[in-house]
Amino acid sequence: MSLIMSLNSGSSSLKFQVFRMPAEVLIASGLIERIGLPSSVFTVKANDHEESSTLDIPNHKEAIRLVLESLMSHGIVSDLKDIAGIGHRIVHGGEKYSASVVINEQVEKDIEVLSDLAPLHNPANLLGVRVIDEILPEAVQVAVFDTAFHQTMEPVSYMYPLPYEYYEKYGIRKYGFHGTSHGYVTKRLREILGSENSRRIISCHLGNGGSLAAVKNGKCVNTTMGFTPLAGIMMGTRSGDIDPSILAYLSEKEHLSLQGVTDLCNKKSGLLGVSGISSDMRDIENAIKEGSARAKLACDMYVQRVCNTIAAYAVQLGGVDAILFTAGIGENSIYLRQLIIETLEDAFPIELDRTANNIRRKEAKISTASSRIQVWVIPTNEELVIARDTYRLMK
């Protein structure tokens, strides 16, 4: 029996889960928000009890110390050495890493170099690695890369139609993200359906950030996010794919720097930008019920972009055996799943079972028995994937 911690270090946040392996029993979880800001919030759930406190947490080192002290005080561990391994979510692994690896000095250097490709994420992820190395030097640390699952794409799918020299010089290509989630849910669906009935899957990870992946025989052949997580479908605050000339036009008209235009596309666009109401699909749905035309437009645009991608991936896969929904919107929005599947029904041999679709955060088939394309909701569990890979690499 080993205790494994899954750690996700953000720029001002820290998420964690602790599993008893190999039984895969979740025994503690928590979140620290507003690290480095006044009134940080620490929420921990252990022993079927959840508690939250507000205090000042100046940096990630103190945040991780607080997490470990909490695990001691709740009786999850009697000694910090009980935590045999820590798995870290690392957003960008570039072309070098197609699987999780034990972290050593070279891996740390590579993560740091790749910070150029994920400046908002990799430095924060690496900070968590270095703090753990200081506090728990004997623990095995493992890097689990968001980009790894997508490294099976062929050049025809990951290359951009730019001068080839920029790929050679700077690594400009599609990398894809949410790979840990897409990998988990598609593997789970193949376990349910059997490999012969799930050769061609379209995975829809729909949350505040969102991406789709085309998966053939368990391998990713295409995905919507690209060089950065800004690309692809419309999202909560991200524009997704737009005409790149818009950026130069807005820069001139609005007197914005390149960074200013990038921030606009990342933080003020998507559902929020079109609706003017919220980046949260729940708020959009409520606004539609109240008669908001802009909320309905935002939702319709979102649905159209998801459906267009599904149609394109169906061609690339040579057909579809199953479509699955996961993540915050995908697992919880009965309304949005219905809109997407009903939009596809005229073009594809697919039929939604409205009664079966009336579920949230549950694993379930939501297509009818006569639907030739199956539709499923599969709750994602990225933290469990991290724990599994960590435990496997420790052995």
Protein backbone atom coordinates (compact mmCIF):
# COMPACT_ATOMS: atom_id res chain seq x y z
CA MET A 1 0.00 0.00 0.00
CA SER A 2 1.33 3.42 -0.98
CA LEU A 3 -0.01 6.94 -0.53
CA ILE A 4 0.24 8.99 -3.71
CA MET A 5 -0.49 12.70 -3.98
CA SER A 6 -1.68 14.28 -7.22
CA LEU A 7 -0.65 17.93 -7.32
CA ASN A 8 -1.75 20.68 -9.70
CA SER A 9 0.09 23.95 -9.10
CA GLY A 10 -1.40 27.01 -10.78
CA SER A 11 -0.07 30.54 -10.76
CA SER A 12 -2.13 31.43 -7.67
CA SER A 13 -3.74 28.12 -6.78
CA LEU A 14 -2.92 24.60 -5.63
CA LYS A 15 -5.16 21.56 -6.07
CA PHE A 16 -4.38 18.20 -4.53
CA GLN A 17 -5.77 14.71 -4.03
CA VAL A 18 -4.32 11.84 -2.01
CA PHE A 19 -4.96 8.23 -3.05
CA ARG A 20 -4.28 4.92 -1.40
CA MET A 21 -2.74 2.84 -4.15
CA PRO A 22 -3.10 0.41 -5.80
CA ALA A 23 -6.68 0.28 -4.47
CA GLU A 24 -7.25 3.78 -5.97
CA VAL A 25 -9.11 4.96 -2.87
CA LEU A 26 -9.40 8.74 -2.57
CA ILE A 27 -8.72 9.66 1.05
CA ALA A 28 -8.23 13.44 0.93
CA SER A 29 -8.55 16.35 -1.47
CA GLY A 30 -8.36 20.10 -1.37
CA LEU A 31 -7.81 23.44 -3.03
CA ILE A 32 -5.92 26.58 -2.08
CA GLU A 33 -6.91 29.74 -3.94
CA ARG A 34 -5.47 33.26 -4.04
CA ILE A 35 -1.90 32.26 -3.14
CA GLY A 36 0.16 35.41 -2.76
CA LEU A 37 -2.93 37.57 -2.35
CA PRO A 38 -4.71 38.76 0.79
CA SER A 39 -7.27 36.35 2.25
CA SER A 40 -6.18 33.11 0.61
CA VAL A 41 -8.81 30.37 0.85
CA PHE A 42 -7.91 26.79 1.84
CA THR A 43 -10.52 24.07 1.45
CA VAL A 44 -9.80 20.48 2.44
CA LYS A 45 -11.98 17.37 2.43
CA ALA A 46 -10.91 14.39 4.52
CA ASN A 47 -12.66 11.70 6.57
CA ASP A 48 -16.01 12.62 4.94
CA HIS A 49 -15.72 16.13 6.31
CA GLU A 50 -15.07 19.37 4.44
CA GLU A 51 -13.76 22.54 6.00
CA SER A 52 -12.67 25.88 4.65
CA SER A 53 -10.51 28.62 6.14
CA THR A 54 -9.33 32.08 5.08
CA LEU A 55 -5.76 33.12 5.83
CA ASP A 56 -2.79 34.76 4.15
CA ILE A 57 -0.63 32.29 2.21
CA PRO A 58 2.27 34.23 0.68
CA ASN A 59 3.71 31.61 -1.69
CA HIS A 60 3.51 28.03 -2.94
CA LYS A 61 6.04 26.80 -0.42
CA GLU A 62 3.78 27.82 2.43
CA ALA A 63 0.75 26.46 0.57
CA ILE A 64 2.33 23.01 0.24
CA ARG A 65 3.51 23.10 3.86
CA LEU A 66 -0.08 23.90 4.87
CA VAL A 67 -1.40 20.97 2.84
CA LEU A 68 1.05 18.54 4.42
CA GLU A 69 0.31 19.84 7.93
CA SER A 70 -3.39 19.41 7.24
CA LEU A 71 -2.87 15.79 6.17
CA MET A 72 -1.07 15.20 9.47
CA SER A 73 -3.70 16.92 11.60
CA HIS A 74 -6.53 14.98 9.92
CA GLY A 75 -4.75 11.70 10.53
CA ILE A 76 -4.31 10.96 6.83
CA VAL A 77 -0.60 10.42 7.40
CA SER A 78 1.29 9.83 10.63
CA ASP A 79 4.61 10.78 9.05
CA LEU A 80 5.21 12.80 5.89
CA LYS A 81 7.39 9.94 4.64
CA ASP A 82 4.13 7.97 4.27
CA ILE A 83 3.63 9.91 1.04
CA ALA A 84 5.73 7.78 -1.26
CA GLY A 85 5.11 9.63 -4.50
CA ILE A 86 3.86 12.93 -5.84
CA GLY A 87 2.50 13.23 -9.37
CA HIS A 88 2.50 16.70 -10.91
CA ARG A 89 0.27 17.95 -13.68
CA ILE A 90 2.64 19.57 -16.16
CA VAL A 91 0.82 21.43 -18.92
CA HIS A 92 3.46 21.35 -21.67
CA GLY A 93 5.81 18.51 -22.50
CA GLY A 94 6.50 19.53 -26.09
CA GLU A 95 7.49 16.87 -28.62
CA LYS A 96 9.94 15.21 -26.25
CA TYR A 97 7.46 13.68 -23.81
CA SER A 98 4.80 11.30 -25.07
CA ALA A 99 4.33 9.68 -21.66
CA SER A 100 4.71 10.44 -17.97
CA VAL A 101 8.24 10.30 -16.53
CA VAL A 102 10.03 10.32 -13.18
CA ILE A 103 11.33 13.83 -12.63
CA ASN A 104 15.11 14.29 -12.57
CA GLU A 105 17.37 17.25 -13.21
CA GLN A 106 17.05 16.94 -16.99
CA VAL A 107 13.26 16.75 -16.86
CA GLU A 108 13.20 19.89 -14.72
CA LYS A 109 15.38 21.68 -17.27
CA ASP A 110 13.10 20.58 -20.10
CA ILE A 111 9.98 21.79 -18.29
CA GLU A 112 11.70 25.13 -17.73
CA VAL A 113 12.69 25.45 -21.40
CA LEU A 114 9.14 24.62 -22.45
CA SER A 115 7.88 27.50 -20.32
CA ASP A 116 8.21 29.60 -23.49
CA LEU A 117 5.32 27.58 -24.91
CA ALA A 118 3.19 27.67 -21.72
CA PRO A 119 4.27 30.78 -19.79
CA LEU A 120 1.15 30.83 -17.61
CA HIS A 121 1.39 27.18 -16.59
CA ASN A 122 4.79 25.47 -16.75
CA PRO A 123 6.56 27.88 -14.34
CA ALA A 124 3.83 27.34 -11.74
CA ASN A 125 3.90 23.58 -12.30
CA LEU A 126 7.69 23.55 -11.92
CA LEU A 127 7.48 25.59 -8.75
CA GLY A 128 5.43 22.81 -7.17
CA VAL A 129 8.09 20.28 -8.14
CA ARG A 130 10.87 22.32 -6.56
CA VAL A 131 8.99 23.00 -3.35
CA ILE A 132 8.23 19.29 -2.89
CA ASP A 133 11.88 18.48 -3.59
CA GLU A 134 12.80 20.77 -0.70
CA ILE A 135 10.16 19.57 1.75
CA LEU A 136 9.98 15.87 0.82
CA PRO A 137 13.33 15.08 -0.81
CA GLU A 138 12.89 11.30 -0.52
CA ALA A 139 9.54 11.18 -2.36
CA VAL A 140 9.45 10.08 -5.99
CA GLN A 141 8.14 12.86 -8.20
CA VAL A 142 6.49 12.19 -11.56
CA ALA A 143 5.59 14.59 -14.37
CA VAL A 144 2.26 13.89 -16.11
CA PHE A 145 1.99 16.02 -19.25
CA ASP A 146 -1.24 17.45 -20.67
CA THR A 147 0.27 17.26 -24.14
CA ALA A 148 1.48 13.64 -24.00
CA PHE A 149 -1.71 11.92 -25.22
CA HIS A 150 -1.72 14.00 -28.40
CA GLN A 151 1.81 13.06 -29.46
CA THR A 152 0.40 10.26 -31.64
CA MET A 153 -0.90 12.83 -34.14
CA GLU A 154 0.66 12.72 -37.59
CA PRO A 155 2.31 15.80 -39.15
CA VAL A 156 -0.67 16.29 -41.45
CA SER A 157 -2.73 17.03 -38.32
CA TYR A 158 -0.24 18.91 -36.17
CA MET A 159 1.62 21.08 -38.68
CA TYR A 160 0.54 24.65 -39.46
CA PRO A 161 0.67 26.04 -43.02
CA LEU A 162 3.45 28.46 -42.10
CA PRO A 163 7.04 28.47 -43.41
CA TYR A 164 8.45 25.11 -42.31
CA GLU A 165 11.51 26.78 -40.84
CA TYR A 166 9.43 28.10 -37.92
CA TYR A 167 8.59 24.55 -36.91
CA GLU A 168 12.27 23.64 -37.09
CA LYS A 169 13.47 26.76 -35.26
CA TYR A 170 10.73 27.34 -32.68
CA GLY A 171 8.63 24.18 -32.52
CA ILE A 172 5.53 25.96 -33.84
CA ARG A 173 2.94 23.22 -34.31
CA LYS A 174 -0.27 21.93 -32.77
CA TYR A 175 0.38 20.31 -29.40
CA GLY A 176 -3.10 19.93 -27.91
CA PHE A 177 -4.08 20.00 -24.26
CA HIS A 178 -6.52 18.26 -21.87
CA GLY A 179 -4.70 15.10 -22.93
CA THR A 180 -4.89 13.50 -19.49
CA SER A 181 -8.67 13.89 -19.54
CA HIS A 182 -9.14 12.73 -23.15
CA GLY A 183 -6.92 9.74 -22.49
CA TYR A 184 -8.80 8.75 -19.34
CA VAL A 185 -12.35 9.00 -20.71
CA THR A 186 -11.65 7.33 -24.04
CA LYS A 187 -9.85 4.45 -22.32
CA ARG A 188 -12.80 4.09 -19.95
CA LEU A 189 -15.29 4.01 -22.83
CA ARG A 190 -13.26 1.38 -24.65
CA GLU A 191 -13.35 -0.72 -21.47
CA ILE A 192 -17.15 -0.43 -21.45
CA LEU A 193 -17.82 -1.03 -25.14
CA GLY A 194 -14.93 -3.30 -26.06
CA SER A 195 -12.23 -2.35 -28.54
CA GLU A 196 -14.13 -3.48 -31.65
CA ASN A 197 -17.11 -1.25 -30.83
CA SER A 198 -15.06 1.81 -29.92
CA ARG A 199 -12.44 2.12 -32.64
CA ARG A 200 -13.56 5.66 -33.58
CA ILE A 201 -14.35 7.99 -30.67
CA ILE A 202 -14.86 11.74 -30.57
CA SER A 203 -14.15 13.01 -27.07
CA CYS A 204 -15.71 16.34 -26.06
CA HIS A 205 -14.00 17.87 -23.00
CA LEU A 206 -16.30 20.82 -22.45
CA GLY A 207 -15.57 23.06 -19.49
CA ASN A 208 -14.61 26.70 -19.04
CA GLY A 209 -11.78 25.65 -21.31
CA GLY A 210 -12.78 23.12 -23.92
CA SER A 211 -11.35 20.84 -26.56
CA LEU A 212 -12.33 17.90 -28.72
CA ALA A 213 -10.16 14.94 -29.69
CA ALA A 214 -10.51 12.41 -32.49
CA VAL A 215 -9.33 9.05 -31.17
CA LYS A 216 -8.79 5.98 -33.36
CA ASN A 217 -7.98 2.63 -31.78
CA GLY A 218 -7.10 4.40 -28.54
CA LYS A 219 -4.68 6.86 -30.19
CA CYS A 220 -5.24 10.58 -30.73
CA VAL A 221 -5.28 11.54 -34.42
CA ASN A 222 -6.43 15.15 -34.01
CA THR A 223 -7.46 17.67 -31.40
CA THR A 224 -8.75 21.23 -31.38
CA MET A 225 -6.36 23.10 -29.10
CA GLY A 226 -3.16 24.01 -30.86
CA PHE A 227 0.16 25.72 -30.18
CA THR A 228 -1.58 27.15 -27.10
CA PRO A 229 -4.89 26.40 -25.33
CA LEU A 230 -6.42 29.47 -27.04
CA ALA A 231 -7.09 27.59 -30.28
CA GLY A 232 -10.06 25.45 -31.22
CA ILE A 233 -13.69 25.76 -30.18
CA MET A 234 -15.23 28.78 -28.50
CA MET A 235 -14.79 28.58 -24.70
CA GLY A 236 -15.79 30.39 -21.53
CA THR A 237 -13.52 33.40 -22.01
CA ARG A 238 -11.38 32.25 -24.97
CA SER A 239 -12.27 33.02 -28.58
CA GLY A 240 -11.03 29.76 -30.05
CA ASP A 241 -10.16 29.89 -33.76
CA ILE A 242 -10.65 33.29 -35.40
CA ASP A 243 -9.24 35.09 -38.45
CA PRO A 244 -5.71 36.05 -37.30
CA SER A 245 -5.95 39.36 -39.17
CA ILE A 246 -8.49 40.46 -36.56
CA LEU A 247 -5.66 40.71 -34.04
CA ALA A 248 -3.71 43.28 -36.07
CA TYR A 249 -6.92 45.17 -36.88
CA LEU A 250 -7.97 45.39 -33.21
CA SER A 251 -4.46 46.33 -32.17
CA GLU A 252 -4.60 49.34 -34.45
CA LYS A 253 -8.19 50.38 -33.78
CA GLU A 254 -8.13 49.88 -30.00
CA HIS A 255 -4.48 50.91 -29.50
CA LEU A 256 -3.69 47.56 -27.93
CA SER A 257 -0.30 45.91 -27.65
CA LEU A 258 0.14 42.39 -28.97
CA GLN A 259 -0.14 41.17 -25.38
CA GLY A 260 -3.27 43.26 -24.94
CA VAL A 261 -4.95 41.64 -27.95
CA THR A 262 -3.88 38.19 -26.76
CA ASP A 263 -5.35 38.90 -23.32
CA LEU A 264 -8.60 40.03 -24.96
CA CYS A 265 -8.85 36.72 -26.84
CA ASN A 266 -7.96 34.69 -23.74
CA LYS A 267 -9.88 36.47 -21.00
CA LYS A 268 -12.69 38.60 -22.46
CA SER A 269 -14.00 36.59 -25.40
CA GLY A 270 -15.94 33.35 -25.85
CA LEU A 271 -19.24 32.97 -24.01
CA LEU A 272 -18.45 36.01 -21.88
CA GLY A 273 -17.57 38.24 -24.80
CA VAL A 274 -20.61 37.39 -26.93
CA SER A 275 -23.21 37.23 -24.15
CA GLY A 276 -21.90 40.13 -22.09
CA ILE A 277 -23.22 38.16 -19.11
CA SER A 278 -20.91 35.37 -17.99
CA SER A 279 -18.34 32.77 -18.97
CA ASP A 280 -20.33 30.14 -17.06
CA MET A 281 -22.72 28.04 -19.15
CA ARG A 282 -25.11 27.80 -16.21
CA ASP A 283 -25.51 31.57 -16.23
CA ILE A 284 -25.93 31.52 -20.01
CA GLU A 285 -28.70 28.92 -19.76
CA ASN A 286 -30.51 30.94 -17.10
CA ALA A 287 -30.22 34.09 -19.20
CA ILE A 288 -31.70 32.25 -22.21
CA LYS A 289 -34.71 31.28 -20.09
CA GLU A 290 -35.11 34.96 -19.21
CA GLY A 291 -35.14 35.90 -22.88
CA SER A 292 -31.58 37.16 -23.48
CA ALA A 293 -30.92 37.19 -27.23
CA ARG A 294 -27.16 37.56 -26.76
CA ALA A 295 -27.02 34.62 -24.37
CA LYS A 296 -28.86 32.51 -26.96
CA LEU A 297 -26.48 33.69 -29.67
CA ALA A 298 -23.48 32.75 -27.53
CA CYS A 299 -24.92 29.29 -26.86
CA ASP A 300 -25.84 28.74 -30.52
CA MET A 301 -22.35 29.74 -31.63
CA TYR A 302 -20.83 27.36 -29.10
CA VAL A 303 -23.03 24.48 -30.27
CA GLN A 304 -22.30 25.16 -33.94
CA ARG A 305 -18.54 25.14 -33.40
CA VAL A 306 -18.67 21.89 -31.44
CA CYS A 307 -20.88 20.25 -34.08
CA ASN A 308 -18.71 21.47 -36.97
CA THR A 309 -15.69 19.91 -35.28
CA ILE A 310 -17.50 16.62 -34.68
CA ALA A 311 -18.45 16.53 -38.37
CA ALA A 312 -14.87 17.19 -39.47
CA TYR A 313 -13.47 14.55 -37.14
CA ALA A 314 -16.04 12.03 -38.36
CA VAL A 315 -14.55 12.42 -41.84
CA GLN A 316 -10.97 12.07 -40.58
CA LEU A 317 -11.87 8.98 -38.53
CA GLY A 318 -13.81 7.40 -41.41
CA GLY A 319 -16.98 7.31 -39.31
CA VAL A 320 -17.88 7.43 -35.63
CA ASP A 321 -18.66 4.65 -33.17
CA ALA A 322 -19.19 6.88 -30.15
CA ILE A 323 -19.25 10.48 -29.00
CA LEU A 324 -18.57 11.19 -25.35
CA PHE A 325 -19.03 14.23 -23.14
CA THR A 326 -16.89 15.08 -20.13
CA ALA A 327 -15.71 17.98 -17.88
CA GLY A 328 -17.85 20.67 -16.23
CA ILE A 329 -20.25 21.47 -19.07
CA GLY A 330 -20.10 18.07 -20.72
CA GLU A 331 -20.92 16.22 -17.51
CA ASN A 332 -23.54 18.62 -16.16
CA SER A 333 -25.36 20.52 -18.91
CA ILE A 334 -28.38 18.46 -19.93
CA TYR A 335 -29.49 21.35 -22.14
CA LEU A 336 -26.25 21.72 -24.07
CA ARG A 337 -25.79 17.99 -24.69
CA GLN A 338 -29.33 17.90 -26.07
CA LEU A 339 -28.68 20.85 -28.39
CA ILE A 340 -25.48 19.30 -29.74
CA ILE A 341 -26.91 15.85 -30.41
CA GLU A 342 -30.16 17.16 -31.88
CA THR A 343 -28.12 19.41 -34.19
CA LEU A 344 -26.25 16.33 -35.42
CA GLU A 345 -29.33 14.13 -35.86
CA ASP A 346 -30.21 15.28 -39.39
CA ALA A 347 -26.72 14.51 -40.70
CA PHE A 348 -25.70 11.45 -38.67
CA PRO A 349 -27.33 8.16 -37.61
CA ILE A 350 -27.57 9.37 -34.04
CA GLU A 351 -30.51 9.74 -31.66
CA LEU A 352 -30.63 11.17 -28.15
CA ASP A 353 -32.55 9.44 -25.37
CA ARG A 354 -33.91 12.50 -23.53
CA THR A 355 -34.76 10.53 -20.41
CA ALA A 356 -31.28 8.99 -20.20
CA ASN A 357 -29.77 12.42 -20.83
CA ASN A 358 -31.37 13.79 -17.67
CA ILE A 359 -28.26 13.14 -15.55
CA ARG A 360 -25.31 15.05 -14.14
CA ARG A 361 -21.82 13.83 -13.28
CA LYS A 362 -22.76 10.19 -13.85
CA GLU A 363 -21.40 7.61 -16.24
CA ALA A 364 -24.23 6.80 -18.61
CA LYS A 365 -25.21 6.05 -22.19
CA ILE A 366 -27.57 8.82 -23.36
CA SER A 367 -28.36 7.63 -26.91
CA THR A 368 -31.28 5.39 -27.84
CA ALA A 369 -30.94 1.67 -28.48
CA SER A 370 -31.49 2.30 -32.20
CA SER A 371 -28.85 5.02 -32.47
CA ARG A 372 -25.98 3.72 -34.63
CA ILE A 373 -23.60 6.19 -33.00
CA GLN A 374 -23.52 5.77 -29.25
CA VAL A 375 -23.41 8.84 -27.01
CA TRP A 376 -21.98 8.67 -23.50
CA VAL A 377 -21.30 10.87 -20.51
CA ILE A 378 -18.03 9.84 -18.83
CA PRO A 379 -16.91 11.89 -15.80
CA THR A 380 -13.23 12.70 -16.09
CA ASN A 381 -10.68 12.01 -13.37
CA GLU A 382 -7.33 13.55 -14.26
CA GLU A 383 -6.06 13.29 -10.69
CA LEU A 384 -6.54 9.52 -10.71
CA VAL A 385 -4.57 9.27 -13.96
CA ILE A 386 -1.75 11.22 -12.32
CA ALA A 387 -1.83 8.89 -9.30
CA ARG A 388 -1.86 5.78 -11.49
CA ASP A 389 1.12 6.93 -13.54
CA THR A 390 3.02 7.91 -10.42
CA TYR A 391 2.41 4.56 -8.75
CA ARG A 392 3.34 2.68 -11.95
CA LEU A 393 6.61 4.56 -12.37
CA MET A 394 7.56 4.10 -8.71
CA LYS A 395 7.50 0.33 -8.93
